[in-house]
Amino acid sequence: MKAEAEANAEADKKAKEQADKLNKADATIFQTEKQLAELGDKIPADKKAPIEKALADLKDAYAKRDADACEKYNNELMSAFQAASAEMYAAQQQAQQNAGPQQGPTNGPTDNGNNGGQPSAEDVDFEEVK
């Protein structure tokens, strides 16, 4: 039995790699569909088209159980999504810079402004309970 296991070790290793690639493809399909539903209108159209194409190719490869193609299209999908994410992040940063400094509350309680906007300290009585 041990000899049989050693003889089939290489085939088992390949089968495990194939299963891992297919599982990764399945998880990527799920995550991408979820993210597209959440961010769909925020992703620029020129960046969304390559994501959708790579997703369709990945789904097709997954349906055929072609692990090598799944790995290829998974990498393409990750690259396309990363490019779109970078562009969305840059647009968000630009929008924040254009908005200028925010007017709002300070980081803590202050007194009537005599201490330059620094938080005030107040002595209080307390009782230690043992």
C-alpha atoms as a PDB file:
ATOM      1  CA  MET A   1       0.000   0.000   0.000  1.00  0.00           C
ATOM      2  CA  LYS A   2       2.886   2.352   0.781  1.00  0.00           C
ATOM      3  CA  ALA A   3       4.498   1.557  -2.555  1.00  0.00           C
ATOM      4  CA  GLU A   4       1.217   2.286  -4.330  1.00  0.00           C
ATOM      5  CA  ALA A   5       0.971   5.664  -2.580  1.00  0.00           C
ATOM      6  CA  GLU A   6       4.533   6.527  -3.570  1.00  0.00           C
ATOM      7  CA  ALA A   7       3.854   5.474  -7.147  1.00  0.00           C
ATOM      8  CA  ASN A   8       0.785   7.730  -7.345  1.00  0.00           C
ATOM      9  CA  ALA A   9       2.307  10.682  -5.472  1.00  0.00           C
ATOM     10  CA  GLU A  10       3.048  12.641  -8.633  1.00  0.00           C
ATOM     11  CA  ALA A  11      -0.462  12.116 -10.022  1.00  0.00           C
ATOM     12  CA  ASP A  12      -1.941  13.133  -6.675  1.00  0.00           C
ATOM     13  CA  LYS A  13       0.179  16.277  -6.636  1.00  0.00           C
ATOM     14  CA  LYS A  14      -1.038  17.245 -10.130  1.00  0.00           C
ATOM     15  CA  ALA A  15      -4.656  16.544  -9.181  1.00  0.00           C
ATOM     16  CA  LYS A  16      -4.294  18.745  -6.101  1.00  0.00           C
ATOM     17  CA  GLU A  17      -2.789  21.584  -8.158  1.00  0.00           C
ATOM     18  CA  GLN A  18      -5.669  21.315 -10.655  1.00  0.00           C
ATOM     19  CA  ALA A  19      -8.234  21.398  -7.836  1.00  0.00           C
ATOM     20  CA  ASP A  20      -6.514  24.402  -6.235  1.00  0.00           C
ATOM     21  CA  LYS A  21      -6.554  26.329  -9.528  1.00  0.00           C
ATOM     22  CA  LEU A  22     -10.247  25.560 -10.053  1.00  0.00           C
ATOM     23  CA  ASN A  23     -11.105  26.547  -6.473  1.00  0.00           C
ATOM     24  CA  LYS A  24      -9.207  29.811  -6.855  1.00  0.00           C
ATOM     25  CA  ALA A  25     -11.064  30.513 -10.117  1.00  0.00           C
ATOM     26  CA  ASP A  26     -14.408  29.850  -8.447  1.00  0.00           C
ATOM     27  CA  ALA A  27     -13.582  32.208  -5.572  1.00  0.00           C
ATOM     28  CA  THR A  28     -12.354  34.892  -7.972  1.00  0.00           C
ATOM     29  CA  ILE A  29     -15.539  34.666 -10.039  1.00  0.00           C
ATOM     30  CA  PHE A  30     -17.660  35.094  -6.926  1.00  0.00           C
ATOM     31  CA  GLN A  31     -15.598  38.017  -5.575  1.00  0.00           C
ATOM     32  CA  THR A  32     -15.464  39.807  -8.918  1.00  0.00           C
ATOM     33  CA  GLU A  33     -19.204  39.552  -9.471  1.00  0.00           C
ATOM     34  CA  LYS A  34     -19.783  40.864  -5.959  1.00  0.00           C
ATOM     35  CA  GLN A  35     -17.384  43.784  -6.437  1.00  0.00           C
ATOM     36  CA  LEU A  36     -18.845  44.647  -9.841  1.00  0.00           C
ATOM     37  CA  ALA A  37     -22.303  44.771  -8.291  1.00  0.00           C
ATOM     38  CA  GLU A  38     -21.080  47.051  -5.493  1.00  0.00           C
ATOM     39  CA  LEU A  39     -18.799  49.296  -7.553  1.00  0.00           C
ATOM     40  CA  GLY A  40     -20.370  48.976 -10.985  1.00  0.00           C
ATOM     41  CA  ASP A  41     -21.163  52.632 -11.580  1.00  0.00           C
ATOM     42  CA  LYS A  42     -17.890  53.838 -10.065  1.00  0.00           C
ATOM     43  CA  ILE A  43     -15.674  51.848 -12.433  1.00  0.00           C
ATOM     44  CA  PRO A  44     -14.892  53.768 -15.645  1.00  0.00           C
ATOM     45  CA  ALA A  45     -16.361  52.125 -18.756  1.00  0.00           C
ATOM     46  CA  ASP A  46     -12.970  51.775 -20.442  1.00  0.00           C
ATOM     47  CA  LYS A  47     -11.715  49.811 -17.418  1.00  0.00           C
ATOM     48  CA  LYS A  48     -14.900  47.815 -16.884  1.00  0.00           C
ATOM     49  CA  ALA A  49     -14.919  46.216 -20.352  1.00  0.00           C
ATOM     50  CA  PRO A  50     -11.605  44.314 -19.867  1.00  0.00           C
ATOM     51  CA  ILE A  51     -12.783  43.142 -16.443  1.00  0.00           C
ATOM     52  CA  GLU A  52     -16.029  41.801 -17.874  1.00  0.00           C
ATOM     53  CA  LYS A  53     -14.227  40.099 -20.780  1.00  0.00           C
ATOM     54  CA  ALA A  54     -11.686  38.430 -18.478  1.00  0.00           C
ATOM     55  CA  LEU A  55     -14.515  37.383 -16.149  1.00  0.00           C
ATOM     56  CA  ALA A  56     -16.443  35.811 -19.042  1.00  0.00           C
ATOM     57  CA  ASP A  57     -13.300  33.979 -20.206  1.00  0.00           C
ATOM     58  CA  LEU A  58     -12.634  32.761 -16.656  1.00  0.00           C
ATOM     59  CA  LYS A  59     -16.213  31.502 -16.303  1.00  0.00           C
ATOM     60  CA  ASP A  60     -15.913  29.638 -19.609  1.00  0.00           C
ATOM     61  CA  ALA A  61     -12.615  28.032 -18.593  1.00  0.00           C
ATOM     62  CA  TYR A  62     -14.086  27.109 -15.211  1.00  0.00           C
ATOM     63  CA  ALA A  63     -17.121  25.510 -16.858  1.00  0.00           C
ATOM     64  CA  LYS A  64     -14.765  23.418 -19.008  1.00  0.00           C
ATOM     65  CA  ARG A  65     -12.666  22.531 -15.916  1.00  0.00           C
ATOM     66  CA  ASP A  66      -9.534  23.745 -17.720  1.00  0.00           C
ATOM     67  CA  ALA A  67      -7.277  24.592 -14.779  1.00  0.00           C
ATOM     68  CA  ASP A  68      -4.451  26.053 -16.855  1.00  0.00           C
ATOM     69  CA  ALA A  69      -6.810  28.390 -18.710  1.00  0.00           C
ATOM     70  CA  CYS A  70      -8.422  29.300 -15.372  1.00  0.00           C
ATOM     71  CA  GLU A  71      -5.035  30.343 -14.040  1.00  0.00           C
ATOM     72  CA  LYS A  72      -4.330  32.430 -17.159  1.00  0.00           C
ATOM     73  CA  TYR A  73      -7.689  34.227 -17.115  1.00  0.00           C
ATOM     74  CA  ASN A  74      -7.540  34.640 -13.346  1.00  0.00           C
ATOM     75  CA  ASN A  75      -4.266  36.552 -13.754  1.00  0.00           C
ATOM     76  CA  GLU A  76      -5.762  38.655 -16.565  1.00  0.00           C
ATOM     77  CA  LEU A  77      -8.783  39.456 -14.420  1.00  0.00           C
ATOM     78  CA  MET A  78      -6.622  40.460 -11.460  1.00  0.00           C
ATOM     79  CA  SER A  79      -4.525  42.743 -13.687  1.00  0.00           C
ATOM     80  CA  ALA A  80      -7.602  44.394 -15.215  1.00  0.00           C
ATOM     81  CA  PHE A  81      -9.244  44.880 -11.822  1.00  0.00           C
ATOM     82  CA  GLN A  82      -6.033  46.253 -10.337  1.00  0.00           C
ATOM     83  CA  ALA A  83      -5.777  48.845 -13.139  1.00  0.00           C
ATOM     84  CA  ALA A  84      -9.377  49.921 -12.554  1.00  0.00           C
ATOM     85  CA  SER A  85      -8.837  50.109  -8.799  1.00  0.00           C
ATOM     86  CA  ALA A  86      -5.754  52.269  -9.241  1.00  0.00           C
ATOM     87  CA  GLU A  87      -7.674  54.671 -11.478  1.00  0.00           C
ATOM     88  CA  MET A  88     -10.610  54.841  -9.056  1.00  0.00           C
ATOM     89  CA  TYR A  89      -8.231  55.497  -6.150  1.00  0.00           C
ATOM     90  CA  ALA A  90      -6.455  58.263  -8.077  1.00  0.00           C
ATOM     91  CA  ALA A  91      -9.804  59.869  -8.962  1.00  0.00           C
ATOM     92  CA  GLN A  92     -10.878  59.720  -5.326  1.00  0.00           C
ATOM     93  CA  GLN A  93      -7.624  61.329  -4.192  1.00  0.00           C
ATOM     94  CA  GLN A  94      -8.024  64.066  -6.810  1.00  0.00           C
ATOM     95  CA  ALA A  95     -11.581  64.747  -5.676  1.00  0.00           C
ATOM     96  CA  GLN A  96     -10.442  65.057  -2.068  1.00  0.00           C
ATOM     97  CA  GLN A  97      -7.667  67.460  -3.023  1.00  0.00           C
ATOM     98  CA  ASN A  98     -10.079  69.580  -5.061  1.00  0.00           C
ATOM     99  CA  ALA A  99     -12.505  69.741  -2.147  1.00  0.00           C
ATOM    100  CA  GLY A 100      -9.906  71.505  -0.010  1.00  0.00           C
ATOM    101  CA  PRO A 101      -9.634  71.383   3.749  1.00  0.00           C
ATOM    102  CA  GLN A 102     -12.663  70.168   5.594  1.00  0.00           C
ATOM    103  CA  GLN A 103     -14.424  72.542   7.984  1.00  0.00           C
ATOM    104  CA  GLY A 104     -15.704  70.660  10.959  1.00  0.00           C
ATOM    105  CA  PRO A 105     -15.270  69.853  14.594  1.00  0.00           C
ATOM    106  CA  THR A 106     -11.846  69.675  16.183  1.00  0.00           C
ATOM    107  CA  ASN A 107     -10.323  66.527  17.587  1.00  0.00           C
ATOM    108  CA  GLY A 108     -11.651  67.023  21.068  1.00  0.00           C
ATOM    109  CA  PRO A 109     -13.315  69.330  23.506  1.00  0.00           C
ATOM    110  CA  THR A 110     -11.845  72.784  23.744  1.00  0.00           C
ATOM    111  CA  ASP A 111     -12.497  75.669  26.004  1.00  0.00           C
ATOM    112  CA  ASN A 112     -13.532  79.058  24.713  1.00  0.00           C
ATOM    113  CA  GLY A 113     -10.643  79.211  22.261  1.00  0.00           C
ATOM    114  CA  ASN A 114      -8.077  80.823  24.564  1.00  0.00           C
ATOM    115  CA  ASN A 115      -5.649  77.901  24.326  1.00  0.00           C
ATOM    116  CA  GLY A 116      -5.082  77.901  20.557  1.00  0.00           C
ATOM    117  CA  GLY A 117      -7.457  75.064  19.737  1.00  0.00           C
ATOM    118  CA  GLN A 118      -5.730  72.552  22.002  1.00  0.00           C
ATOM    119  CA  PRO A 119      -7.957  70.163  23.936  1.00  0.00           C
ATOM    120  CA  SER A 120      -8.663  71.402  27.426  1.00  0.00           C
ATOM    121  CA  ALA A 121      -7.905  69.422  30.546  1.00  0.00           C
ATOM    122  CA  GLU A 122     -10.248  69.376  33.470  1.00  0.00           C
ATOM    123  CA  ASP A 123      -9.633  68.094  36.985  1.00  0.00           C
ATOM    124  CA  VAL A 124     -12.361  65.829  38.274  1.00  0.00           C
ATOM    125  CA  ASP A 125     -12.931  63.964  41.518  1.00  0.00           C
ATOM    126  CA  PHE A 126     -13.091  60.191  41.374  1.00  0.00           C
ATOM    127  CA  GLU A 127     -13.450  57.367  43.799  1.00  0.00           C
ATOM    128  CA  GLU A 128     -11.497  54.146  43.467  1.00  0.00           C
ATOM    129  CA  VAL A 129     -13.680  51.109  44.073  1.00  0.00           C
ATOM    130  CA  LYS A 130     -11.975  47.974  45.368  1.00  0.00           C
END
